[in-house]
Amino acid sequence: MSEHVIERPDLQAPAVRAFFGMLTVVLWTTYVHLLLPLATLLAWYFGYNAVYEEMVMRRGWESLVELIGFYAIVVLVMGVIQVGWASINWARFYGERDRRRLRERRVDMEIDKMFMMNTAEFPVWLNAKRLVVHHHETLPLIVAVEAT
């Protein structure tokens, strides 16, 4: 993002935010309205005539009106399940149990515990261009280090 653009909508007045929100809705609606001829062309190409014949000519809309209540109930139940699941997870992980926060890493950096050898060569390893590290076969320990 540009350094000259300040992204802080919370500092805007509610009326300004509402105005820009409505302006966004109006412009997107206008954009979709301009694409309607293309949508109509694609609908005709993919068989809109069959839909028109079924819904208008054969009065298929009557069946739709009978089933729309059932469809609304199904959509409402699905929405309640989704919101309920989200609420349960929010309650489970709210506050101290929030896993999204970065926690302080506590790593034991006592180098002597990682090696099964003398670490006196450690300053040499820091200046080396290449290190070959040999690990123990079963234990998570370093057996030898070759500095080149």
N, C-alpha and C. Protein backbone atom coordinates (compact mmCIF):
# COMPACT_ATOMS: atom_id res chain seq x y z
N MET A 1 0.84 -1.17 0.00
CA MET A 1 0.00 0.00 0.00
C MET A 1 0.89 1.24 0.00
N SER A 2 0.43 2.27 -0.61
CA SER A 2 1.20 3.50 -0.71
C SER A 2 1.36 4.14 0.67
N GLU A 3 2.49 4.81 0.85
CA GLU A 3 2.71 5.47 2.13
C GLU A 3 1.80 6.68 2.34
N HIS A 4 1.18 7.16 1.25
CA HIS A 4 0.32 8.34 1.34
C HIS A 4 -1.13 7.98 1.65
N VAL A 5 -1.48 6.70 1.58
CA VAL A 5 -2.84 6.26 1.86
C VAL A 5 -2.89 5.76 3.30
N ILE A 6 -3.80 6.32 4.08
CA ILE A 6 -3.95 5.92 5.47
C ILE A 6 -5.19 5.05 5.56
N GLU A 7 -5.00 3.80 5.92
CA GLU A 7 -6.09 2.84 6.00
C GLU A 7 -6.58 2.76 7.44
N ARG A 8 -7.38 3.71 7.86
CA ARG A 8 -7.93 3.72 9.21
C ARG A 8 -9.40 4.14 9.15
N PRO A 9 -10.28 3.26 8.64
CA PRO A 9 -11.69 3.64 8.54
C PRO A 9 -12.33 3.88 9.90
N ASP A 10 -11.73 3.36 10.98
CA ASP A 10 -12.31 3.58 12.30
C ASP A 10 -12.20 5.04 12.74
N LEU A 11 -11.31 5.81 12.09
CA LEU A 11 -11.17 7.22 12.42
C LEU A 11 -12.14 8.11 11.64
N GLN A 12 -12.82 7.52 10.64
CA GLN A 12 -13.79 8.29 9.86
C GLN A 12 -15.10 8.40 10.63
N ALA A 13 -15.82 9.47 10.32
CA ALA A 13 -17.14 9.63 10.92
C ALA A 13 -18.07 8.56 10.37
N PRO A 14 -19.04 8.11 11.17
CA PRO A 14 -19.96 7.08 10.68
C PRO A 14 -20.71 7.49 9.41
N ALA A 15 -21.04 8.77 9.29
CA ALA A 15 -21.75 9.23 8.09
C ALA A 15 -20.86 9.10 6.86
N VAL A 16 -19.58 9.38 6.99
CA VAL A 16 -18.65 9.27 5.87
C VAL A 16 -18.48 7.80 5.48
N ARG A 17 -18.35 6.94 6.47
CA ARG A 17 -18.23 5.50 6.17
C ARG A 17 -19.48 4.99 5.49
N ALA A 18 -20.66 5.42 5.97
CA ALA A 18 -21.92 4.99 5.36
C ALA A 18 -22.02 5.50 3.92
N PHE A 19 -21.60 6.74 3.70
CA PHE A 19 -21.64 7.30 2.34
C PHE A 19 -20.76 6.49 1.39
N PHE A 20 -19.52 6.20 1.80
CA PHE A 20 -18.63 5.44 0.94
C PHE A 20 -19.10 3.99 0.77
N GLY A 21 -19.72 3.43 1.79
CA GLY A 21 -20.30 2.09 1.65
C GLY A 21 -21.42 2.07 0.63
N MET A 22 -22.31 3.06 0.71
CA MET A 22 -23.41 3.14 -0.26
C MET A 22 -22.88 3.43 -1.66
N LEU A 23 -21.87 4.28 -1.76
CA LEU A 23 -21.27 4.57 -3.05
C LEU A 23 -20.68 3.30 -3.66
N THR A 24 -20.05 2.47 -2.85
CA THR A 24 -19.50 1.21 -3.33
C THR A 24 -20.61 0.31 -3.85
N VAL A 25 -21.72 0.20 -3.10
CA VAL A 25 -22.85 -0.63 -3.53
C VAL A 25 -23.42 -0.12 -4.85
N VAL A 26 -23.61 1.19 -4.96
CA VAL A 26 -24.16 1.77 -6.20
C VAL A 26 -23.25 1.50 -7.39
N LEU A 27 -21.95 1.68 -7.21
CA LEU A 27 -21.03 1.48 -8.32
C LEU A 27 -20.94 0.01 -8.73
N TRP A 28 -20.93 -0.91 -7.77
CA TRP A 28 -20.91 -2.33 -8.12
C TRP A 28 -22.21 -2.72 -8.80
N THR A 29 -23.33 -2.19 -8.35
CA THR A 29 -24.61 -2.48 -8.99
C THR A 29 -24.62 -1.98 -10.43
N THR A 30 -24.10 -0.79 -10.65
CA THR A 30 -24.00 -0.25 -12.00
C THR A 30 -23.12 -1.12 -12.87
N TYR A 31 -22.01 -1.58 -12.32
CA TYR A 31 -21.09 -2.43 -13.06
C TYR A 31 -21.77 -3.74 -13.46
N VAL A 32 -22.50 -4.36 -12.52
CA VAL A 32 -23.20 -5.60 -12.82
C VAL A 32 -24.30 -5.34 -13.84
N HIS A 33 -24.99 -4.21 -13.73
CA HIS A 33 -26.05 -3.87 -14.69
C HIS A 33 -25.47 -3.74 -16.10
N LEU A 34 -24.27 -3.21 -16.22
CA LEU A 34 -23.64 -3.08 -17.53
C LEU A 34 -23.27 -4.44 -18.11
N LEU A 35 -23.10 -5.44 -17.26
CA LEU A 35 -22.76 -6.78 -17.74
C LEU A 35 -23.99 -7.63 -18.05
N LEU A 36 -25.20 -7.12 -17.82
CA LEU A 36 -26.40 -7.91 -18.06
C LEU A 36 -26.55 -8.39 -19.51
N PRO A 37 -26.23 -7.57 -20.54
CA PRO A 37 -26.33 -8.10 -21.90
C PRO A 37 -25.44 -9.32 -22.12
N LEU A 38 -24.24 -9.31 -21.55
CA LEU A 38 -23.36 -10.47 -21.66
C LEU A 38 -23.96 -11.67 -20.93
N ALA A 39 -24.53 -11.44 -19.75
CA ALA A 39 -25.16 -12.53 -19.00
C ALA A 39 -26.35 -13.09 -19.78
N THR A 40 -27.12 -12.23 -20.41
CA THR A 40 -28.26 -12.68 -21.21
C THR A 40 -27.80 -13.52 -22.39
N LEU A 41 -26.75 -13.07 -23.07
CA LEU A 41 -26.21 -13.82 -24.20
C LEU A 41 -25.74 -15.21 -23.75
N LEU A 42 -25.03 -15.27 -22.63
CA LEU A 42 -24.56 -16.56 -22.12
C LEU A 42 -25.73 -17.45 -21.69
N ALA A 43 -26.76 -16.85 -21.09
CA ALA A 43 -27.93 -17.62 -20.67
C ALA A 43 -28.64 -18.22 -21.88
N TRP A 44 -28.81 -17.45 -22.93
CA TRP A 44 -29.43 -17.98 -24.14
C TRP A 44 -28.58 -19.10 -24.72
N TYR A 45 -27.27 -18.91 -24.70
CA TYR A 45 -26.38 -19.92 -25.26
C TYR A 45 -26.46 -21.23 -24.47
N PHE A 46 -26.58 -21.15 -23.16
CA PHE A 46 -26.59 -22.36 -22.33
C PHE A 46 -27.99 -22.88 -22.02
N GLY A 47 -29.00 -22.42 -22.71
CA GLY A 47 -30.32 -23.02 -22.59
C GLY A 47 -31.30 -22.25 -21.73
N TYR A 48 -31.23 -20.95 -21.72
CA TYR A 48 -32.20 -20.17 -20.95
C TYR A 48 -33.61 -20.39 -21.51
N ASN A 49 -33.73 -20.69 -22.80
CA ASN A 49 -35.05 -20.90 -23.38
C ASN A 49 -35.77 -22.05 -22.68
N ALA A 50 -35.04 -23.09 -22.30
CA ALA A 50 -35.65 -24.22 -21.60
C ALA A 50 -36.15 -23.77 -20.22
N VAL A 51 -35.38 -22.95 -19.53
CA VAL A 51 -35.81 -22.44 -18.22
C VAL A 51 -37.04 -21.57 -18.37
N TYR A 52 -37.05 -20.71 -19.36
CA TYR A 52 -38.20 -19.83 -19.60
C TYR A 52 -39.44 -20.66 -19.91
N GLU A 53 -39.27 -21.68 -20.73
CA GLU A 53 -40.42 -22.51 -21.09
C GLU A 53 -40.97 -23.24 -19.85
N GLU A 54 -40.06 -23.77 -19.00
CA GLU A 54 -40.50 -24.51 -17.83
C GLU A 54 -41.14 -23.61 -16.78
N MET A 55 -40.52 -22.46 -16.52
CA MET A 55 -40.98 -21.60 -15.43
C MET A 55 -42.17 -20.73 -15.82
N VAL A 56 -42.21 -20.24 -17.04
CA VAL A 56 -43.26 -19.31 -17.43
C VAL A 56 -44.36 -20.01 -18.21
N MET A 57 -44.00 -20.72 -19.25
CA MET A 57 -45.00 -21.32 -20.12
C MET A 57 -45.73 -22.48 -19.44
N ARG A 58 -45.01 -23.30 -18.68
CA ARG A 58 -45.64 -24.45 -18.02
C ARG A 58 -45.99 -24.16 -16.57
N ARG A 59 -45.87 -22.92 -16.15
CA ARG A 59 -46.23 -22.45 -14.82
C ARG A 59 -45.44 -23.18 -13.72
N GLY A 60 -44.14 -23.33 -13.95
CA GLY A 60 -43.26 -23.96 -12.97
C GLY A 60 -43.04 -23.09 -11.74
N TRP A 61 -43.33 -21.81 -11.85
CA TRP A 61 -43.14 -20.92 -10.72
C TRP A 61 -44.08 -21.26 -9.57
N GLU A 62 -45.21 -21.92 -9.87
CA GLU A 62 -46.13 -22.31 -8.80
C GLU A 62 -45.48 -23.33 -7.87
N SER A 63 -44.78 -24.28 -8.44
CA SER A 63 -44.06 -25.26 -7.61
C SER A 63 -42.96 -24.58 -6.81
N LEU A 64 -42.31 -23.60 -7.43
CA LEU A 64 -41.26 -22.86 -6.73
C LEU A 64 -41.84 -22.13 -5.52
N VAL A 65 -42.99 -21.52 -5.69
CA VAL A 65 -43.62 -20.79 -4.59
C VAL A 65 -43.96 -21.75 -3.45
N GLU A 66 -44.41 -22.97 -3.79
CA GLU A 66 -44.74 -23.94 -2.75
C GLU A 66 -43.51 -24.40 -1.98
N LEU A 67 -42.37 -24.52 -2.67
CA LEU A 67 -41.15 -25.02 -2.04
C LEU A 67 -40.26 -23.94 -1.44
N ILE A 68 -40.55 -22.68 -1.71
CA ILE A 68 -39.64 -21.61 -1.26
C ILE A 68 -39.57 -21.54 0.26
N GLY A 69 -40.65 -21.85 0.95
CA GLY A 69 -40.65 -21.86 2.41
C GLY A 69 -39.73 -22.94 2.96
N PHE A 70 -39.80 -24.13 2.35
CA PHE A 70 -38.92 -25.22 2.76
C PHE A 70 -37.46 -24.86 2.51
N TYR A 71 -37.19 -24.27 1.34
CA TYR A 71 -35.82 -23.84 1.03
C TYR A 71 -35.33 -22.81 2.04
N ALA A 72 -36.19 -21.89 2.42
CA ALA A 72 -35.82 -20.86 3.40
C ALA A 72 -35.48 -21.50 4.74
N ILE A 73 -36.27 -22.51 5.15
CA ILE A 73 -36.00 -23.19 6.42
C ILE A 73 -34.65 -23.91 6.36
N VAL A 74 -34.37 -24.57 5.26
CA VAL A 74 -33.09 -25.27 5.11
C VAL A 74 -31.93 -24.29 5.19
N VAL A 75 -32.04 -23.17 4.48
CA VAL A 75 -30.98 -22.16 4.51
C VAL A 75 -30.84 -21.59 5.91
N LEU A 76 -31.94 -21.34 6.59
CA LEU A 76 -31.88 -20.81 7.95
C LEU A 76 -31.21 -21.80 8.90
N VAL A 77 -31.56 -23.08 8.80
CA VAL A 77 -30.93 -24.09 9.66
C VAL A 77 -29.43 -24.17 9.38
N MET A 78 -29.05 -24.14 8.11
CA MET A 78 -27.62 -24.16 7.77
C MET A 78 -26.90 -22.95 8.36
N GLY A 79 -27.53 -21.78 8.27
CA GLY A 79 -26.93 -20.58 8.83
C GLY A 79 -26.78 -20.66 10.34
N VAL A 80 -27.82 -21.18 11.02
CA VAL A 80 -27.76 -21.31 12.48
C VAL A 80 -26.66 -22.28 12.88
N ILE A 81 -26.51 -23.38 12.12
CA ILE A 81 -25.45 -24.33 12.43
C ILE A 81 -24.08 -23.68 12.25
N GLN A 82 -23.90 -22.95 11.17
CA GLN A 82 -22.60 -22.30 10.93
C GLN A 82 -22.29 -21.25 12.00
N VAL A 83 -23.27 -20.41 12.32
CA VAL A 83 -23.04 -19.38 13.34
C VAL A 83 -22.84 -20.02 14.70
N GLY A 84 -23.59 -21.09 14.99
CA GLY A 84 -23.42 -21.79 16.26
C GLY A 84 -22.03 -22.39 16.39
N TRP A 85 -21.55 -23.03 15.33
CA TRP A 85 -20.22 -23.62 15.36
C TRP A 85 -19.16 -22.53 15.53
N ALA A 86 -19.31 -21.43 14.83
CA ALA A 86 -18.36 -20.33 14.97
C ALA A 86 -18.40 -19.77 16.39
N SER A 87 -19.59 -19.66 16.97
CA SER A 87 -19.71 -19.15 18.34
C SER A 87 -19.06 -20.09 19.35
N ILE A 88 -19.25 -21.38 19.15
CA ILE A 88 -18.63 -22.36 20.05
C ILE A 88 -17.11 -22.25 19.98
N ASN A 89 -16.56 -22.16 18.78
CA ASN A 89 -15.11 -22.03 18.64
C ASN A 89 -14.61 -20.71 19.20
N TRP A 90 -15.38 -19.66 19.02
CA TRP A 90 -14.98 -18.37 19.59
C TRP A 90 -14.92 -18.47 21.11
N ALA A 91 -15.94 -19.09 21.71
CA ALA A 91 -15.95 -19.24 23.17
C ALA A 91 -14.81 -20.13 23.65
N ARG A 92 -14.47 -21.17 22.88
CA ARG A 92 -13.39 -22.07 23.27
C ARG A 92 -12.03 -21.40 23.26
N PHE A 93 -11.80 -20.55 22.28
CA PHE A 93 -10.46 -20.01 22.08
C PHE A 93 -10.36 -18.51 22.36
N TYR A 94 -11.32 -17.95 23.05
CA TYR A 94 -11.29 -16.52 23.37
C TYR A 94 -10.34 -16.26 24.53
N GLY A 95 -9.66 -15.13 24.49
CA GLY A 95 -8.82 -14.70 25.60
C GLY A 95 -7.50 -15.43 25.65
N GLU A 96 -7.19 -16.00 26.80
CA GLU A 96 -5.90 -16.65 27.03
C GLU A 96 -5.69 -17.86 26.14
N ARG A 97 -6.78 -18.47 25.69
CA ARG A 97 -6.66 -19.69 24.90
C ARG A 97 -6.57 -19.39 23.40
N ASP A 98 -6.46 -18.13 23.03
CA ASP A 98 -6.36 -17.75 21.62
C ASP A 98 -5.04 -18.24 21.07
N ARG A 99 -5.10 -19.12 20.07
CA ARG A 99 -3.88 -19.72 19.52
C ARG A 99 -3.26 -18.86 18.43
N ARG A 100 -3.92 -17.79 18.04
CA ARG A 100 -3.38 -16.99 16.94
C ARG A 100 -2.30 -16.02 17.40
N ARG A 101 -2.18 -15.81 18.68
CA ARG A 101 -1.19 -14.87 19.19
C ARG A 101 0.19 -15.50 19.21
N LEU A 102 1.19 -14.69 18.98
CA LEU A 102 2.56 -15.17 19.07
C LEU A 102 2.94 -15.31 20.53
N ARG A 103 3.49 -16.43 20.85
CA ARG A 103 3.92 -16.65 22.23
C ARG A 103 5.44 -16.55 22.29
N GLU A 104 5.91 -16.22 23.46
CA GLU A 104 7.35 -16.13 23.66
C GLU A 104 7.94 -17.53 23.55
N ARG A 105 8.98 -17.63 22.74
CA ARG A 105 9.63 -18.92 22.55
C ARG A 105 10.64 -19.15 23.67
N ARG A 106 10.54 -20.31 24.27
CA ARG A 106 11.49 -20.65 25.32
C ARG A 106 12.30 -21.84 24.84
N VAL A 107 13.50 -21.55 24.41
CA VAL A 107 14.38 -22.59 23.90
C VAL A 107 15.62 -22.63 24.78
N ASP A 108 15.95 -23.83 25.21
CA ASP A 108 17.15 -23.99 26.02
C ASP A 108 18.36 -23.90 25.10
N MET A 109 19.09 -22.81 25.18
CA MET A 109 20.21 -22.58 24.26
C MET A 109 21.55 -22.93 24.88
N GLU A 110 21.57 -23.81 25.83
CA GLU A 110 22.85 -24.27 26.35
C GLU A 110 23.44 -25.23 25.33
N ILE A 111 24.42 -24.75 24.61
CA ILE A 111 24.97 -25.47 23.48
C ILE A 111 25.59 -26.79 23.89
N ASP A 112 26.14 -26.86 25.07
CA ASP A 112 26.79 -28.10 25.51
C ASP A 112 25.83 -29.28 25.55
N LYS A 113 24.54 -29.05 25.77
CA LYS A 113 23.57 -30.12 25.85
C LYS A 113 23.22 -30.70 24.47
N MET A 114 23.50 -29.94 23.40
CA MET A 114 23.18 -30.41 22.06
C MET A 114 24.29 -31.26 21.45
N PHE A 115 25.45 -31.25 22.05
CA PHE A 115 26.61 -31.92 21.46
C PHE A 115 27.08 -33.09 22.31
N MET A 116 27.60 -34.11 21.63
CA MET A 116 28.26 -35.21 22.32
C MET A 116 29.76 -35.06 22.10
N MET A 117 30.24 -33.84 22.09
CA MET A 117 31.65 -33.57 21.81
C MET A 117 32.05 -32.26 22.48
N ASN A 118 33.29 -31.92 22.39
CA ASN A 118 33.81 -30.69 22.95
C ASN A 118 33.40 -29.51 22.06
N THR A 119 32.87 -28.48 22.66
CA THR A 119 32.42 -27.31 21.88
C THR A 119 33.46 -26.19 21.88
N ALA A 120 34.68 -26.51 22.13
CA ALA A 120 35.73 -25.48 22.16
C ALA A 120 35.95 -24.87 20.78
N GLU A 121 35.61 -25.59 19.73
CA GLU A 121 35.80 -25.10 18.38
C GLU A 121 34.65 -24.19 17.91
N PHE A 122 33.72 -23.89 18.77
CA PHE A 122 32.55 -23.10 18.41
C PHE A 122 32.90 -21.77 17.73
N PRO A 123 33.86 -20.98 18.22
CA PRO A 123 34.20 -19.73 17.51
C PRO A 123 34.70 -19.98 16.09
N VAL A 124 35.36 -21.08 15.86
CA VAL A 124 35.81 -21.42 14.50
C VAL A 124 34.61 -21.69 13.61
N TRP A 125 33.59 -22.34 14.16
CA TRP A 125 32.40 -22.66 13.37
C TRP A 125 31.67 -21.39 12.94
N LEU A 126 31.68 -20.37 13.79
CA LEU A 126 30.98 -19.13 13.46
C LEU A 126 31.59 -18.45 12.24
N ASN A 127 32.87 -18.59 12.05
CA ASN A 127 33.54 -17.93 10.93
C ASN A 127 33.71 -18.84 9.72
N ALA A 128 33.29 -20.07 9.81
CA ALA A 128 33.46 -21.00 8.70
C ALA A 128 32.45 -20.71 7.60
N LYS A 129 32.83 -20.98 6.36
CA LYS A 129 31.93 -20.81 5.22
C LYS A 129 31.02 -22.01 5.05
N ARG A 130 31.48 -23.17 5.53
CA ARG A 130 30.72 -24.40 5.35
C ARG A 130 30.90 -25.28 6.57
N LEU A 131 29.80 -25.84 7.06
CA LEU A 131 29.84 -26.77 8.18
C LEU A 131 29.18 -28.08 7.76
N VAL A 132 29.81 -29.17 8.09
CA VAL A 132 29.21 -30.49 7.89
C VAL A 132 28.92 -31.03 9.29
N VAL A 133 27.64 -31.27 9.55
CA VAL A 133 27.22 -31.69 10.89
C VAL A 133 26.83 -33.16 10.84
N HIS A 134 27.40 -33.95 11.76
CA HIS A 134 27.11 -35.38 11.85
C HIS A 134 26.26 -35.61 13.10
N HIS A 135 25.11 -36.29 12.92
CA HIS A 135 24.18 -36.54 14.01
C HIS A 135 24.32 -37.96 14.53
N HIS A 136 23.92 -38.12 15.78
CA HIS A 136 23.87 -39.45 16.38
C HIS A 136 22.76 -40.24 15.70
N GLU A 137 22.91 -41.54 15.60
CA GLU A 137 21.94 -42.37 14.89
C GLU A 137 20.59 -42.43 15.57
N THR A 138 20.55 -42.45 16.87
CA THR A 138 19.27 -42.60 17.57
C THR A 138 18.92 -41.41 18.44
N LEU A 139 19.89 -40.73 18.99
CA LEU A 139 19.63 -39.60 19.87
C LEU A 139 19.63 -38.29 19.08
N PRO A 140 18.87 -37.30 19.53
CA PRO A 140 18.88 -36.01 18.85
C PRO A 140 20.08 -35.16 19.27
N LEU A 141 21.27 -35.67 19.03
CA LEU A 141 22.51 -34.98 19.44
C LEU A 141 23.46 -34.90 18.27
N ILE A 142 24.36 -33.93 18.33
CA ILE A 142 25.37 -33.73 17.31
C ILE A 142 26.63 -34.45 17.76
N VAL A 143 27.19 -35.29 16.88
CA VAL A 143 28.35 -36.09 17.20
C VAL A 143 29.63 -35.36 16.80
N ALA A 144 29.64 -34.77 15.60
CA ALA A 144 30.85 -34.12 15.10
C ALA A 144 30.47 -33.00 14.14
N VAL A 145 31.37 -32.01 14.05
CA VAL A 145 31.20 -30.89 13.12
C VAL A 145 32.51 -30.68 12.40
N GLU A 146 32.44 -30.62 11.08
CA GLU A 146 33.62 -30.34 10.26
C GLU A 146 33.48 -28.95 9.70
N ALA A 147 34.42 -28.07 9.99
CA ALA A 147 34.41 -26.69 9.50
C ALA A 147 35.37 -26.56 8.34
N THR A 148 34.90 -25.97 7.23
CA THR A 148 35.79 -25.74 6.08
C THR A 148 35.68 -24.30 5.64
